C-alpha atoms as a PDB file:
ATOM      1  CA  MET A   1       6.688 -20.990  -3.950  1.00  0.00           C
ATOM      2  CA  THR A   2       4.614 -23.987  -2.783  1.00  0.00           C
ATOM      3  CA  GLY A   3       7.445 -25.311  -0.774  1.00  0.00           C
ATOM      4  CA  TYR A   4       7.159 -22.444   1.499  1.00  0.00           C
ATOM      5  CA  ALA A   5       3.644 -23.316   2.430  1.00  0.00           C
ATOM      6  CA  THR A   6       4.608 -26.633   4.025  1.00  0.00           C
ATOM      7  CA  VAL A   7       6.761 -24.965   6.685  1.00  0.00           C
ATOM      8  CA  GLY A   8       6.609 -22.154   9.127  1.00  0.00           C
ATOM      9  CA  TYR A   9       7.692 -18.596   8.177  1.00  0.00           C
ATOM     10  CA  PHE A  10      10.593 -18.428  10.658  1.00  0.00           C
ATOM     11  CA  GLU A  11      11.718 -21.949   9.521  1.00  0.00           C
ATOM     12  CA  SER A  12      11.912 -20.686   6.010  1.00  0.00           C
ATOM     13  CA  LEU A  13      13.968 -17.691   7.088  1.00  0.00           C
ATOM     14  CA  ARG A  14      16.447 -20.051   8.892  1.00  0.00           C
ATOM     15  CA  SER A  15      16.615 -22.406   6.027  1.00  0.00           C
ATOM     16  CA  ILE A  16      18.469 -19.764   3.917  1.00  0.00           C
ATOM     17  CA  PRO A  17      21.857 -18.729   5.310  1.00  0.00           C
ATOM     18  CA  VAL A  18      22.076 -15.012   5.175  1.00  0.00           C
ATOM     19  CA  ASN A  19      24.600 -12.798   7.178  1.00  0.00           C
ATOM     20  CA  HIS A  20      22.390 -11.039   9.786  1.00  0.00           C
ATOM     21  CA  LEU A  21      24.301  -7.819   9.586  1.00  0.00           C
ATOM     22  CA  LEU A  22      23.760  -7.736   5.675  1.00  0.00           C
ATOM     23  CA  LEU A  23      20.148  -8.601   6.231  1.00  0.00           C
ATOM     24  CA  ALA A  24      19.873  -5.690   8.933  1.00  0.00           C
ATOM     25  CA  LEU A  25      21.411  -3.296   6.374  1.00  0.00           C
ATOM     26  CA  ILE A  26      19.202  -4.502   3.580  1.00  0.00           C
ATOM     27  CA  LEU A  27      16.089  -3.898   5.681  1.00  0.00           C
ATOM     28  CA  VAL A  28      17.048  -0.422   6.769  1.00  0.00           C
ATOM     29  CA  ALA A  29      17.960   0.524   3.202  1.00  0.00           C
ATOM     30  CA  VAL A  30      14.660  -0.843   1.963  1.00  0.00           C
ATOM     31  CA  TYR A  31      12.714   1.068   4.857  1.00  0.00           C
ATOM     32  CA  PHE A  32      14.293   4.318   3.470  1.00  0.00           C
ATOM     33  CA  VAL A  33      13.396   3.444  -0.005  1.00  0.00           C
ATOM     34  CA  GLY A  34       9.852   3.369   1.270  1.00  0.00           C
ATOM     35  CA  ASN A  35      10.480   6.864   2.623  1.00  0.00           C
ATOM     36  CA  PHE A  36      10.699   8.283  -0.681  1.00  0.00           C
ATOM     37  CA  ASN A  37       7.351   9.707  -1.450  1.00  0.00           C
ATOM     38  CA  PRO A  38       6.505  11.002  -4.994  1.00  0.00           C
ATOM     39  CA  ALA A  39       3.475  12.790  -3.913  1.00  0.00           C
ATOM     40  CA  ILE A  40       5.386  14.910  -1.435  1.00  0.00           C
ATOM     41  CA  THR A  41       8.230  15.356  -3.893  1.00  0.00           C
ATOM     42  CA  LEU A  42       5.856  16.587  -6.675  1.00  0.00           C
ATOM     43  CA  GLY A  43       4.053  18.806  -4.225  1.00  0.00           C
ATOM     44  CA  LYS A  44       7.154  20.539  -3.159  1.00  0.00           C
ATOM     45  CA  ALA A  45       8.163  21.088  -6.695  1.00  0.00           C
ATOM     46  CA  ARG A  46       4.899  23.030  -7.047  1.00  0.00           C
ATOM     47  CA  GLY A  47       5.311  24.922  -3.743  1.00  0.00           C
ATOM     48  CA  ILE A  48       2.836  23.013  -1.791  1.00  0.00           C
ATOM     49  CA  ASP A  49       2.864  20.494   1.084  1.00  0.00           C
ATOM     50  CA  ILE A  50       0.411  17.665  -0.085  1.00  0.00           C
ATOM     51  CA  ARG A  51      -0.028  16.593   3.539  1.00  0.00           C
ATOM     52  CA  SER A  52      -1.702  20.105   4.120  1.00  0.00           C
ATOM     53  CA  GLU A  53      -3.932  19.884   0.956  1.00  0.00           C
ATOM     54  CA  GLY A  54      -6.955  18.032   0.090  1.00  0.00           C
ATOM     55  CA  SER A  55      -7.291  14.910   2.273  1.00  0.00           C
ATOM     56  CA  GLY A  56      -3.863  15.439   3.702  1.00  0.00           C
ATOM     57  CA  ASN A  57      -2.753  11.911   2.641  1.00  0.00           C
ATOM     58  CA  ALA A  58       0.526  11.680   0.698  1.00  0.00           C
ATOM     59  CA  GLY A  59      -0.926   9.207  -1.920  1.00  0.00           C
ATOM     60  CA  THR A  60      -2.336   8.761  -5.439  1.00  0.00           C
ATOM     61  CA  THR A  61      -5.908   9.818  -4.637  1.00  0.00           C
ATOM     62  CA  ASN A  62      -5.032  13.084  -2.929  1.00  0.00           C
ATOM     63  CA  ALA A  63      -2.322  13.761  -5.746  1.00  0.00           C
ATOM     64  CA  LEU A  64      -5.208  13.528  -8.160  1.00  0.00           C
ATOM     65  CA  ARG A  65      -7.421  15.837  -6.080  1.00  0.00           C
ATOM     66  CA  THR A  66      -4.654  18.456  -5.537  1.00  0.00           C
ATOM     67  CA  MET A  67      -2.317  18.178  -8.513  1.00  0.00           C
ATOM     68  CA  GLY A  68      -4.305  16.451 -11.258  1.00  0.00           C
ATOM     69  CA  LYS A  69      -4.172  13.233 -13.348  1.00  0.00           C
ATOM     70  CA  LYS A  70      -0.526  13.354 -14.494  1.00  0.00           C
ATOM     71  CA  ALA A  71       0.688  13.831 -10.914  1.00  0.00           C
ATOM     72  CA  ALA A  72      -1.465  11.074  -9.700  1.00  0.00           C
ATOM     73  CA  ALA A  73      -0.288   8.662 -12.374  1.00  0.00           C
ATOM     74  CA  ILE A  74       3.323   9.415 -11.485  1.00  0.00           C
ATOM     75  CA  THR A  75       2.689   8.879  -7.885  1.00  0.00           C
ATOM     76  CA  PHE A  76       1.036   5.654  -8.364  1.00  0.00           C
ATOM     77  CA  ALA A  77       3.796   4.204 -10.773  1.00  0.00           C
ATOM     78  CA  VAL A  78       6.586   5.256  -8.460  1.00  0.00           C
ATOM     79  CA  ASP A  79       4.843   3.899  -5.360  1.00  0.00           C
ATOM     80  CA  VAL A  80       4.196   0.466  -7.087  1.00  0.00           C
ATOM     81  CA  LEU A  81       7.708   0.264  -8.263  1.00  0.00           C
ATOM     82  CA  LYS A  82       9.017   1.203  -4.873  1.00  0.00           C
ATOM     83  CA  GLY A  83       7.331  -1.870  -3.492  1.00  0.00           C
ATOM     84  CA  PHE A  84       7.900  -4.148  -6.452  1.00  0.00           C
ATOM     85  CA  LEU A  85      11.695  -3.706  -7.011  1.00  0.00           C
ATOM     86  CA  PRO A  86      12.919  -4.514  -3.450  1.00  0.00           C
ATOM     87  CA  ALA A  87      10.620  -7.409  -3.156  1.00  0.00           C
ATOM     88  CA  ALA A  88      11.463  -8.743  -6.508  1.00  0.00           C
ATOM     89  CA  LEU A  89      15.234  -8.507  -6.122  1.00  0.00           C
ATOM     90  CA  THR A  90      15.081 -10.068  -2.667  1.00  0.00           C
ATOM     91  CA  LEU A  91      12.818 -12.811  -3.972  1.00  0.00           C
ATOM     92  CA  HIS A  92      15.487 -13.495  -6.718  1.00  0.00           C
ATOM     93  CA  PHE A  93      18.507 -13.599  -4.434  1.00  0.00           C
ATOM     94  CA  PHE A  94      17.145 -14.844  -1.009  1.00  0.00           C
ATOM     95  CA  GLY A  95      13.742 -16.522  -1.642  1.00  0.00           C
ATOM     96  CA  LEU A  96      10.109 -15.716  -0.856  1.00  0.00           C
ATOM     97  CA  ALA A  97      10.353 -15.498   3.044  1.00  0.00           C
ATOM     98  CA  TYR A  98      12.982 -12.664   2.737  1.00  0.00           C
ATOM     99  CA  ALA A  99      11.020 -11.025  -0.081  1.00  0.00           C
ATOM    100  CA  MET A 100       7.998 -10.835   2.323  1.00  0.00           C
ATOM    101  CA  LEU A 101      10.141  -9.449   5.053  1.00  0.00           C
ATOM    102  CA  CYS A 102      11.593  -6.734   2.830  1.00  0.00           C
ATOM    103  CA  GLY A 103       8.212  -6.015   1.520  1.00  0.00           C
ATOM    104  CA  LEU A 104       7.036  -5.120   5.079  1.00  0.00           C
ATOM    105  CA  ALA A 105       9.980  -2.985   5.386  1.00  0.00           C
ATOM    106  CA  VAL A 106       9.146  -0.910   2.360  1.00  0.00           C
ATOM    107  CA  MET A 107       5.535  -0.756   3.309  1.00  0.00           C
ATOM    108  CA  LEU A 108       6.439   0.589   6.803  1.00  0.00           C
ATOM    109  CA  GLY A 109       8.778   2.982   5.332  1.00  0.00           C
ATOM    110  CA  HIS A 110       6.143   4.293   3.049  1.00  0.00           C
ATOM    111  CA  MET A 111       3.492   4.601   5.802  1.00  0.00           C
ATOM    112  CA  TRP A 112       5.579   5.892   8.630  1.00  0.00           C
ATOM    113  CA  PRO A 113       8.601   7.515   6.977  1.00  0.00           C
ATOM    114  CA  ALA A 114      11.343   8.666   9.396  1.00  0.00           C
ATOM    115  CA  LEU A 115      12.227  11.449   6.881  1.00  0.00           C
ATOM    116  CA  TYR A 116       8.778  13.024   6.994  1.00  0.00           C
ATOM    117  CA  GLU A 117       7.917  12.958  10.783  1.00  0.00           C
ATOM    118  CA  LEU A 118       6.316   9.575  10.349  1.00  0.00           C
ATOM    119  CA  LYS A 119       3.625  11.179   8.191  1.00  0.00           C
ATOM    120  CA  GLY A 120       3.485   9.047   4.948  1.00  0.00           C
ATOM    121  CA  GLY A 121       0.832   7.627   2.646  1.00  0.00           C
ATOM    122  CA  LYS A 122      -1.586   4.838   3.292  1.00  0.00           C
ATOM    123  CA  GLY A 123       0.513   2.096   1.439  1.00  0.00           C
ATOM    124  CA  VAL A 124      -1.935   0.907  -1.117  1.00  0.00           C
ATOM    125  CA  ALA A 125       0.199   1.342  -4.317  1.00  0.00           C
ATOM    126  CA  THR A 126       3.263   0.281  -2.496  1.00  0.00           C
ATOM    127  CA  THR A 127       1.742  -2.935  -1.051  1.00  0.00           C
ATOM    128  CA  PHE A 128       0.133  -3.727  -4.473  1.00  0.00           C
ATOM    129  CA  GLY A 129       3.919  -3.498  -5.881  1.00  0.00           C
ATOM    130  CA  VAL A 130       5.031  -5.960  -3.064  1.00  0.00           C
ATOM    131  CA  LEU A 131       2.350  -8.417  -3.930  1.00  0.00           C
ATOM    132  CA  LEU A 132       2.978  -8.102  -7.787  1.00  0.00           C
ATOM    133  CA  ALA A 133       6.578  -9.393  -6.936  1.00  0.00           C
ATOM    134  CA  VAL A 134       5.686 -12.145  -4.470  1.00  0.00           C
ATOM    135  CA  ASP A 135       2.391 -13.248  -5.987  1.00  0.00           C
ATOM    136  CA  PRO A 136       1.119 -11.572  -8.931  1.00  0.00           C
ATOM    137  CA  ILE A 137      -2.109 -13.503  -9.211  1.00  0.00           C
ATOM    138  CA  LEU A 138      -3.116 -12.472  -5.727  1.00  0.00           C
ATOM    139  CA  ALA A 139      -2.181  -8.923  -6.552  1.00  0.00           C
ATOM    140  CA  LEU A 140      -4.462  -8.880  -9.680  1.00  0.00           C
ATOM    141  CA  ILE A 141      -7.375 -10.457  -7.917  1.00  0.00           C
ATOM    142  CA  LEU A 142      -7.034  -7.759  -5.103  1.00  0.00           C
ATOM    143  CA  ILE A 143      -6.869  -4.924  -7.512  1.00  0.00           C
ATOM    144  CA  ALA A 144      -9.886  -6.350  -9.497  1.00  0.00           C
ATOM    145  CA  ILE A 145     -11.747  -6.158  -6.145  1.00  0.00           C
ATOM    146  CA  VAL A 146     -10.806  -2.513  -5.782  1.00  0.00           C
ATOM    147  CA  LEU A 147     -11.736  -1.617  -9.063  1.00  0.00           C
ATOM    148  CA  LEU A 148     -15.102  -3.405  -9.146  1.00  0.00           C
ATOM    149  CA  THR A 149     -16.035  -1.873  -5.755  1.00  0.00           C
ATOM    150  CA  VAL A 150     -14.994   1.667  -6.774  1.00  0.00           C
ATOM    151  CA  ALA A 151     -17.022   1.086  -9.988  1.00  0.00           C
ATOM    152  CA  ALA A 152     -20.023   0.127  -7.717  1.00  0.00           C
ATOM    153  CA  VAL A 153     -19.976   2.580  -4.981  1.00  0.00           C
ATOM    154  CA  ARG A 154     -17.477   5.388  -6.381  1.00  0.00           C
ATOM    155  CA  MET A 155     -15.317   5.250  -3.123  1.00  0.00           C
ATOM    156  CA  VAL A 156     -11.703   4.369  -3.450  1.00  0.00           C
ATOM    157  CA  SER A 157     -11.366   3.746   0.307  1.00  0.00           C
ATOM    158  CA  ALA A 158     -14.170   1.248   0.186  1.00  0.00           C
ATOM    159  CA  GLY A 159     -12.553  -0.760  -2.478  1.00  0.00           C
ATOM    160  CA  VAL A 160      -9.203  -0.744  -0.692  1.00  0.00           C
ATOM    161  CA  ILE A 161     -10.704  -1.748   2.615  1.00  0.00           C
ATOM    162  CA  LEU A 162     -12.800  -4.599   1.122  1.00  0.00           C
ATOM    163  CA  ALA A 163      -9.648  -5.872  -0.760  1.00  0.00           C
ATOM    164  CA  ALA A 164      -7.576  -5.909   2.424  1.00  0.00           C
ATOM    165  CA  VAL A 165     -10.127  -7.817   4.242  1.00  0.00           C
ATOM    166  CA  ALA A 166     -10.687 -10.204   1.244  1.00  0.00           C
ATOM    167  CA  ALA A 167      -7.009 -10.772   1.038  1.00  0.00           C
ATOM    168  CA  ILE A 168      -7.107 -13.164   3.901  1.00  0.00           C
ATOM    169  CA  PRO A 169      -9.469 -15.788   2.590  1.00  0.00           C
ATOM    170  CA  VAL A 170      -8.534 -15.148  -1.014  1.00  0.00           C
ATOM    171  CA  SER A 171      -4.685 -15.724  -0.347  1.00  0.00           C
ATOM    172  CA  HIS A 172      -5.413 -18.945   1.568  1.00  0.00           C
ATOM    173  CA  PHE A 173      -7.766 -20.234  -1.205  1.00  0.00           C
ATOM    174  CA  PHE A 174      -5.404 -19.491  -4.129  1.00  0.00           C
ATOM    175  CA  HIS A 175      -2.142 -20.005  -2.342  1.00  0.00           C
ATOM    176  CA  PRO A 176      -1.619 -21.215   1.291  1.00  0.00           C
ATOM    177  CA  TRP A 177       0.416 -18.208   2.292  1.00  0.00           C
ATOM    178  CA  TYR A 178       1.791 -17.470   5.700  1.00  0.00           C
ATOM    179  CA  PRO A 179      -1.411 -16.240   7.489  1.00  0.00           C
ATOM    180  CA  GLY A 180       0.318 -14.115   9.866  1.00  0.00           C
ATOM    181  CA  TRP A 181       2.024 -12.032   6.960  1.00  0.00           C
ATOM    182  CA  ILE A 182      -1.214 -11.462   5.160  1.00  0.00           C
ATOM    183  CA  LEU A 183      -3.021 -10.638   8.298  1.00  0.00           C
ATOM    184  CA  PHE A 184      -0.447  -8.072   9.338  1.00  0.00           C
ATOM    185  CA  VAL A 185      -0.374  -6.420   5.885  1.00  0.00           C
ATOM    186  CA  ALA A 186      -4.197  -6.345   5.799  1.00  0.00           C
ATOM    187  CA  ALA A 187      -4.220  -4.793   9.406  1.00  0.00           C
ATOM    188  CA  LEU A 188      -1.732  -2.109   8.280  1.00  0.00           C
ATOM    189  CA  ILE A 189      -4.021  -0.968   5.480  1.00  0.00           C
ATOM    190  CA  VAL A 190      -7.113  -1.061   7.647  1.00  0.00           C
ATOM    191  CA  ILE A 191      -5.305   1.031  10.378  1.00  0.00           C
ATOM    192  CA  LYS A 192      -4.309   3.514   7.775  1.00  0.00           C
ATOM    193  CA  HIS A 193      -8.011   3.667   6.616  1.00  0.00           C
ATOM    194  CA  LEU A 194      -9.790   4.091  10.086  1.00  0.00           C
ATOM    195  CA  GLY A 195     -10.835   7.589   9.303  1.00  0.00           C
ATOM    196  CA  ASN A 196     -12.246   6.500   6.047  1.00  0.00           C
ATOM    197  CA  ILE A 197     -14.249   3.735   7.612  1.00  0.00           C
ATOM    198  CA  LYS A 198     -15.779   6.248  10.038  1.00  0.00           C
ATOM    199  CA  ARG A 199     -16.876   8.478   7.295  1.00  0.00           C
ATOM    200  CA  ILE A 200     -18.153   5.617   5.200  1.00  0.00           C
ATOM    201  CA  LEU A 201     -20.266   4.557   8.218  1.00  0.00           C
ATOM    202  CA  ASN A 202     -21.624   7.994   8.805  1.00  0.00           C
ATOM    203  CA  GLY A 203     -22.161   8.635   5.076  1.00  0.00           C
ATOM    204  CA  SER A 204     -19.590  11.553   4.660  1.00  0.00           C
ATOM    205  CA  GLU A 205     -16.839   9.792   2.656  1.00  0.00           C
ATOM    206  CA  SER A 206     -16.010  11.480  -0.589  1.00  0.00           C
ATOM    207  CA  LYS A 207     -16.897   9.897  -3.928  1.00  0.00           C
ATOM    208  CA  ILE A 208     -15.206  10.057  -7.267  1.00  0.00           C
ATOM    209  CA  ARG A 209     -16.627  11.064 -10.557  1.00  0.00           C
ATOM    210  CA  PHE A 210     -15.268   9.056 -13.360  1.00  0.00           C
ATOM    211  CA  GLY A 211     -14.534  12.190 -15.246  1.00  0.00           C
ATOM    212  CA  GLY A 212     -11.712  12.875 -12.921  1.00  0.00           C
ATOM    213  CA  LYS A 213     -13.141  14.978  -9.938  1.00  0.00           C
ATOM    214  CA  GLU A 214     -14.384  13.896  -6.834  1.00  0.00           C
ATOM    215  CA  LYS A 215     -17.929  14.424  -5.474  1.00  0.00           C
ATOM    216  CA  LYS A 216     -18.102  15.377  -1.832  1.00  0.00           C
ATOM    217  CA  ASN A 217     -21.325  14.461  -0.015  1.00  0.00           C
ATOM    218  CA  SER A 218     -23.579  17.427   0.983  1.00  0.00           C
ATOM    219  CA  ASP A 219     -23.386  16.387   4.630  1.00  0.00           C
ATOM    220  CA  SER A 220     -19.631  16.606   4.772  1.00  0.00           C
ATOM    221  CA  ASP A 221     -18.288  17.781   8.019  1.00  0.00           C
ATOM    222  CA  GLY A 222     -15.350  19.480   6.298  1.00  0.00           C
ATOM    223  CA  SER A 223     -12.779  17.079   7.807  1.00  0.00           C
ATOM    224  CA  LYS A 224      -9.862  15.858   5.802  1.00  0.00           C
ATOM    225  CA  ARG A 225     -10.493  12.840   3.558  1.00  0.00           C
ATOM    226  CA  GLY A 226      -8.544  10.259   1.599  1.00  0.00           C
END
């Protein structure tokens, strides 16, 4: 992987001969893999649309709120695998630069799925899966930041936002990644959490209880969270 750090990203893409039509088909296929959303699927099996329940987000935290621990665990595991498998396979066959490109495709497919009117999840678990494939050390460092922050302030969103911001200097320190790729991924996560940032700043963001249920602040405005 260190060889990729000595050349630009686009130079890396050009260094590996790949049929452009094949690459386009792979990226489209991977995007639609990202469209598959376990939280929405599990919700439909129970007769609910998770995007209209709880926070309205089709992800792990809202699955925990609305459907319980088992559904949340399944959602997290599937979303991680959804990011890990395409990136890992592309890394094996085409190299790191293409794995990162496919990683972006699956993230975008999860966050803005064409099959669900562009209303997907926030991409945290799927991004974690991509990072596990392309740089597991970075992935574990960032998940540690999330867990430590959640333990300290009991807000999942705060941990995710801090990890997204920290990914930029951390990735450069431990591995000289393409800064544009990391910056773009971090920006996607932050954009998806703009509502959470607003609620953190005004003190109305939901907190979790480690027994499993969330604690909502008394000054909540009743708006959707997650």
